[in-house]
Amino acid sequence: MEVVHKIGRRKTAVARVYVSEGKGDITVNKRKLEDYFSTATLQYKVKQPFSLTENEGNYDVKVNVYGGGITGQAEAIRLALSRAICEINEENRTVLKPEGLLTRDPRMVERKKFGQKKARKKFQFSKR
């Protein structure tokens, strides 16, 4: 099996994932997964596509991720891994699709408007 390359995005985070057969090593920006994502929740999010398709320990993953915060980065990696697993075996699509792992989350931060404090918040109104 050759290396499968996929891209995942979430908010402003972009993750490039390279999946190859191996022992289950996940490397994020040249660091181990446990070092990069310290909380168990974020580690679970990254490993979720493998656990749902019962492929834990079958593939080595090399990830380059930039932009956004750690939650957005973890979800970007999850999307890219889901896409890669579907390319490796098309039958995995039936497992991942109902869980919503193949859907790009379109929600982005709303821009700040001029004459306002934030996107929706206004400056304090003074009647007198």
C-alpha atoms as a PDB file:
ATOM      1  CA  MET A   1       0.000   0.000   0.000  1.00  0.00           C
ATOM      2  CA  GLU A   2       1.293   3.431  -0.926  1.00  0.00           C
ATOM      3  CA  VAL A   3       0.944   6.546   1.217  1.00  0.00           C
ATOM      4  CA  VAL A   4      -2.539   8.106   1.182  1.00  0.00           C
ATOM      5  CA  HIS A   5      -2.571  11.922   1.426  1.00  0.00           C
ATOM      6  CA  LYS A   6      -5.727  13.815   2.476  1.00  0.00           C
ATOM      7  CA  ILE A   7      -6.575  17.299   3.756  1.00  0.00           C
ATOM      8  CA  GLY A   8      -9.051  18.227   6.498  1.00  0.00           C
ATOM      9  CA  ARG A   9     -10.188  21.678   7.588  1.00  0.00           C
ATOM     10  CA  ARG A  10     -12.077  23.105  10.571  1.00  0.00           C
ATOM     11  CA  LYS A  11     -12.499  26.831  11.335  1.00  0.00           C
ATOM     12  CA  THR A  12      -9.046  28.168  10.366  1.00  0.00           C
ATOM     13  CA  ALA A  13      -7.118  24.942  11.029  1.00  0.00           C
ATOM     14  CA  VAL A  14      -5.737  22.937   8.100  1.00  0.00           C
ATOM     15  CA  ALA A  15      -4.468  19.373   8.547  1.00  0.00           C
ATOM     16  CA  ARG A  16      -2.493  17.390   5.982  1.00  0.00           C
ATOM     17  CA  VAL A  17      -2.517  13.664   6.760  1.00  0.00           C
ATOM     18  CA  TYR A  18      -0.254  10.949   5.331  1.00  0.00           C
ATOM     19  CA  VAL A  19      -1.489   7.419   6.110  1.00  0.00           C
ATOM     20  CA  SER A  20       0.616   4.287   5.493  1.00  0.00           C
ATOM     21  CA  GLU A  21       0.552   0.727   6.793  1.00  0.00           C
ATOM     22  CA  GLY A  22       2.377   0.296  10.082  1.00  0.00           C
ATOM     23  CA  LYS A  23       2.106  -0.217  13.832  1.00  0.00           C
ATOM     24  CA  GLY A  24      -0.292   2.609  14.719  1.00  0.00           C
ATOM     25  CA  ASP A  25       2.134   5.485  15.346  1.00  0.00           C
ATOM     26  CA  ILE A  26       0.485   8.910  15.084  1.00  0.00           C
ATOM     27  CA  THR A  27       2.876  11.841  14.663  1.00  0.00           C
ATOM     28  CA  VAL A  28       1.569  15.427  14.728  1.00  0.00           C
ATOM     29  CA  ASN A  29       4.034  18.147  13.645  1.00  0.00           C
ATOM     30  CA  LYS A  30       6.970  15.768  14.355  1.00  0.00           C
ATOM     31  CA  ARG A  31       5.713  15.140  17.915  1.00  0.00           C
ATOM     32  CA  LYS A  32       3.837  12.172  19.362  1.00  0.00           C
ATOM     33  CA  LEU A  33       0.053  12.496  19.550  1.00  0.00           C
ATOM     34  CA  GLU A  34       0.111  12.380  23.366  1.00  0.00           C
ATOM     35  CA  ASP A  35       2.642  15.233  23.499  1.00  0.00           C
ATOM     36  CA  TYR A  36       0.797  17.464  21.020  1.00  0.00           C
ATOM     37  CA  PHE A  37      -2.751  16.893  22.341  1.00  0.00           C
ATOM     38  CA  SER A  38      -2.463  16.678  26.118  1.00  0.00           C
ATOM     39  CA  THR A  39      -6.154  16.069  26.955  1.00  0.00           C
ATOM     40  CA  ALA A  40      -7.796  12.675  26.505  1.00  0.00           C
ATOM     41  CA  THR A  41     -10.797  14.261  24.750  1.00  0.00           C
ATOM     42  CA  LEU A  42      -8.681  15.629  21.907  1.00  0.00           C
ATOM     43  CA  GLN A  43      -6.753  12.355  21.604  1.00  0.00           C
ATOM     44  CA  TYR A  44     -10.075  10.510  21.379  1.00  0.00           C
ATOM     45  CA  LYS A  45     -11.273  12.878  18.625  1.00  0.00           C
ATOM     46  CA  VAL A  46      -8.173  12.169  16.550  1.00  0.00           C
ATOM     47  CA  LYS A  47      -8.405   8.374  17.031  1.00  0.00           C
ATOM     48  CA  GLN A  48     -12.183   8.216  16.520  1.00  0.00           C
ATOM     49  CA  PRO A  49     -12.122   7.201  12.796  1.00  0.00           C
ATOM     50  CA  PHE A  50      -9.794   4.278  13.601  1.00  0.00           C
ATOM     51  CA  SER A  51     -11.843   3.059  16.573  1.00  0.00           C
ATOM     52  CA  LEU A  52     -15.132   3.186  14.632  1.00  0.00           C
ATOM     53  CA  THR A  53     -13.685   1.225  11.696  1.00  0.00           C
ATOM     54  CA  GLU A  54     -11.710  -1.132  14.010  1.00  0.00           C
ATOM     55  CA  ASN A  55      -8.365  -0.204  12.412  1.00  0.00           C
ATOM     56  CA  GLU A  56      -6.471   0.782  15.572  1.00  0.00           C
ATOM     57  CA  GLY A  57      -2.787  -0.142  15.285  1.00  0.00           C
ATOM     58  CA  ASN A  58      -2.938  -0.939  11.549  1.00  0.00           C
ATOM     59  CA  TYR A  59      -1.736   2.351  10.095  1.00  0.00           C
ATOM     60  CA  ASP A  60       1.026   4.868  10.757  1.00  0.00           C
ATOM     61  CA  VAL A  61      -0.104   8.484  10.482  1.00  0.00           C
ATOM     62  CA  LYS A  62       2.034  11.561   9.852  1.00  0.00           C
ATOM     63  CA  VAL A  63       0.200  14.872  10.289  1.00  0.00           C
ATOM     64  CA  ASN A  64       1.126  18.467   9.427  1.00  0.00           C
ATOM     65  CA  VAL A  65      -1.371  20.869  10.999  1.00  0.00           C
ATOM     66  CA  TYR A  66      -1.403  24.644  11.306  1.00  0.00           C
ATOM     67  CA  GLY A  67      -3.816  27.464  12.076  1.00  0.00           C
ATOM     68  CA  GLY A  68      -6.641  27.712  14.599  1.00  0.00           C
ATOM     69  CA  GLY A  69      -6.659  26.348  18.136  1.00  0.00           C
ATOM     70  CA  ILE A  70      -6.097  22.833  19.413  1.00  0.00           C
ATOM     71  CA  THR A  71      -9.770  21.786  19.207  1.00  0.00           C
ATOM     72  CA  GLY A  72     -10.088  22.976  15.613  1.00  0.00           C
ATOM     73  CA  GLN A  73      -6.828  21.228  14.757  1.00  0.00           C
ATOM     74  CA  ALA A  74      -7.994  17.949  16.329  1.00  0.00           C
ATOM     75  CA  GLU A  75     -11.257  18.073  14.361  1.00  0.00           C
ATOM     76  CA  ALA A  76      -9.407  18.932  11.145  1.00  0.00           C
ATOM     77  CA  ILE A  77      -7.185  15.879  11.667  1.00  0.00           C
ATOM     78  CA  ARG A  78     -10.284  13.746  12.327  1.00  0.00           C
ATOM     79  CA  LEU A  79     -11.856  14.816   9.016  1.00  0.00           C
ATOM     80  CA  ALA A  80      -8.653  14.150   7.061  1.00  0.00           C
ATOM     81  CA  LEU A  81      -8.224  10.714   8.674  1.00  0.00           C
ATOM     82  CA  SER A  82     -11.841   9.812   7.903  1.00  0.00           C
ATOM     83  CA  ARG A  83     -11.331  10.765   4.257  1.00  0.00           C
ATOM     84  CA  ALA A  84      -8.098   8.737   4.094  1.00  0.00           C
ATOM     85  CA  ILE A  85      -9.714   5.644   5.648  1.00  0.00           C
ATOM     86  CA  CYS A  86     -12.549   5.865   3.101  1.00  0.00           C
ATOM     87  CA  GLU A  87     -10.031   5.969   0.256  1.00  0.00           C
ATOM     88  CA  ILE A  88      -8.213   2.919   1.641  1.00  0.00           C
ATOM     89  CA  ASN A  89     -11.431   0.900   1.960  1.00  0.00           C
ATOM     90  CA  GLU A  90     -14.735   2.200   0.549  1.00  0.00           C
ATOM     91  CA  GLU A  91     -16.757  -0.029   2.941  1.00  0.00           C
ATOM     92  CA  ASN A  92     -15.665   2.181   5.870  1.00  0.00           C
ATOM     93  CA  ARG A  93     -17.828   4.961   4.420  1.00  0.00           C
ATOM     94  CA  THR A  94     -21.008   3.259   5.704  1.00  0.00           C
ATOM     95  CA  VAL A  95     -19.609   3.383   9.264  1.00  0.00           C
ATOM     96  CA  LEU A  96     -18.214   6.930   9.221  1.00  0.00           C
ATOM     97  CA  LYS A  97     -21.005   8.720   7.318  1.00  0.00           C
ATOM     98  CA  PRO A  98     -23.779   8.257   9.956  1.00  0.00           C
ATOM     99  CA  GLU A  99     -21.391   9.512  12.671  1.00  0.00           C
ATOM    100  CA  GLY A 100     -20.910  12.751  10.705  1.00  0.00           C
ATOM    101  CA  LEU A 101     -17.145  12.321  10.361  1.00  0.00           C
ATOM    102  CA  LEU A 102     -17.120  12.890   6.591  1.00  0.00           C
ATOM    103  CA  THR A 103     -18.885  16.254   6.795  1.00  0.00           C
ATOM    104  CA  ARG A 104     -16.840  19.465   6.636  1.00  0.00           C
ATOM    105  CA  ASP A 105     -18.115  21.698   9.439  1.00  0.00           C
ATOM    106  CA  PRO A 106     -18.769  25.042   7.676  1.00  0.00           C
ATOM    107  CA  ARG A 107     -19.056  27.166  10.831  1.00  0.00           C
ATOM    108  CA  MET A 108     -16.523  29.986  10.886  1.00  0.00           C
ATOM    109  CA  VAL A 109     -16.017  33.039  13.089  1.00  0.00           C
ATOM    110  CA  GLU A 110     -18.277  35.890  12.000  1.00  0.00           C
ATOM    111  CA  ARG A 111     -16.390  39.029  11.032  1.00  0.00           C
ATOM    112  CA  LYS A 112     -16.432  42.172  13.131  1.00  0.00           C
ATOM    113  CA  LYS A 113     -18.482  45.009  11.643  1.00  0.00           C
ATOM    114  CA  PHE A 114     -17.483  48.664  11.727  1.00  0.00           C
ATOM    115  CA  GLY A 115     -19.355  50.850  14.210  1.00  0.00           C
ATOM    116  CA  GLN A 116     -19.758  47.829  16.500  1.00  0.00           C
ATOM    117  CA  LYS A 117     -17.705  46.343  19.315  1.00  0.00           C
ATOM    118  CA  LYS A 118     -17.711  42.766  17.923  1.00  0.00           C
ATOM    119  CA  ALA A 119     -19.609  40.832  15.256  1.00  0.00           C
ATOM    120  CA  ARG A 120     -23.012  41.232  16.944  1.00  0.00           C
ATOM    121  CA  LYS A 121     -22.290  43.261  20.090  1.00  0.00           C
ATOM    122  CA  LYS A 122     -22.856  47.008  19.800  1.00  0.00           C
ATOM    123  CA  PHE A 123     -21.229  49.871  21.641  1.00  0.00           C
ATOM    124  CA  GLN A 124     -23.164  50.974  24.727  1.00  0.00           C
ATOM    125  CA  PHE A 125     -26.068  53.223  23.784  1.00  0.00           C
ATOM    126  CA  SER A 126     -26.356  56.510  25.640  1.00  0.00           C
ATOM    127  CA  LYS A 127     -29.638  58.360  25.375  1.00  0.00           C
ATOM    128  CA  ARG A 128     -28.264  61.564  26.929  1.00  0.00           C
END
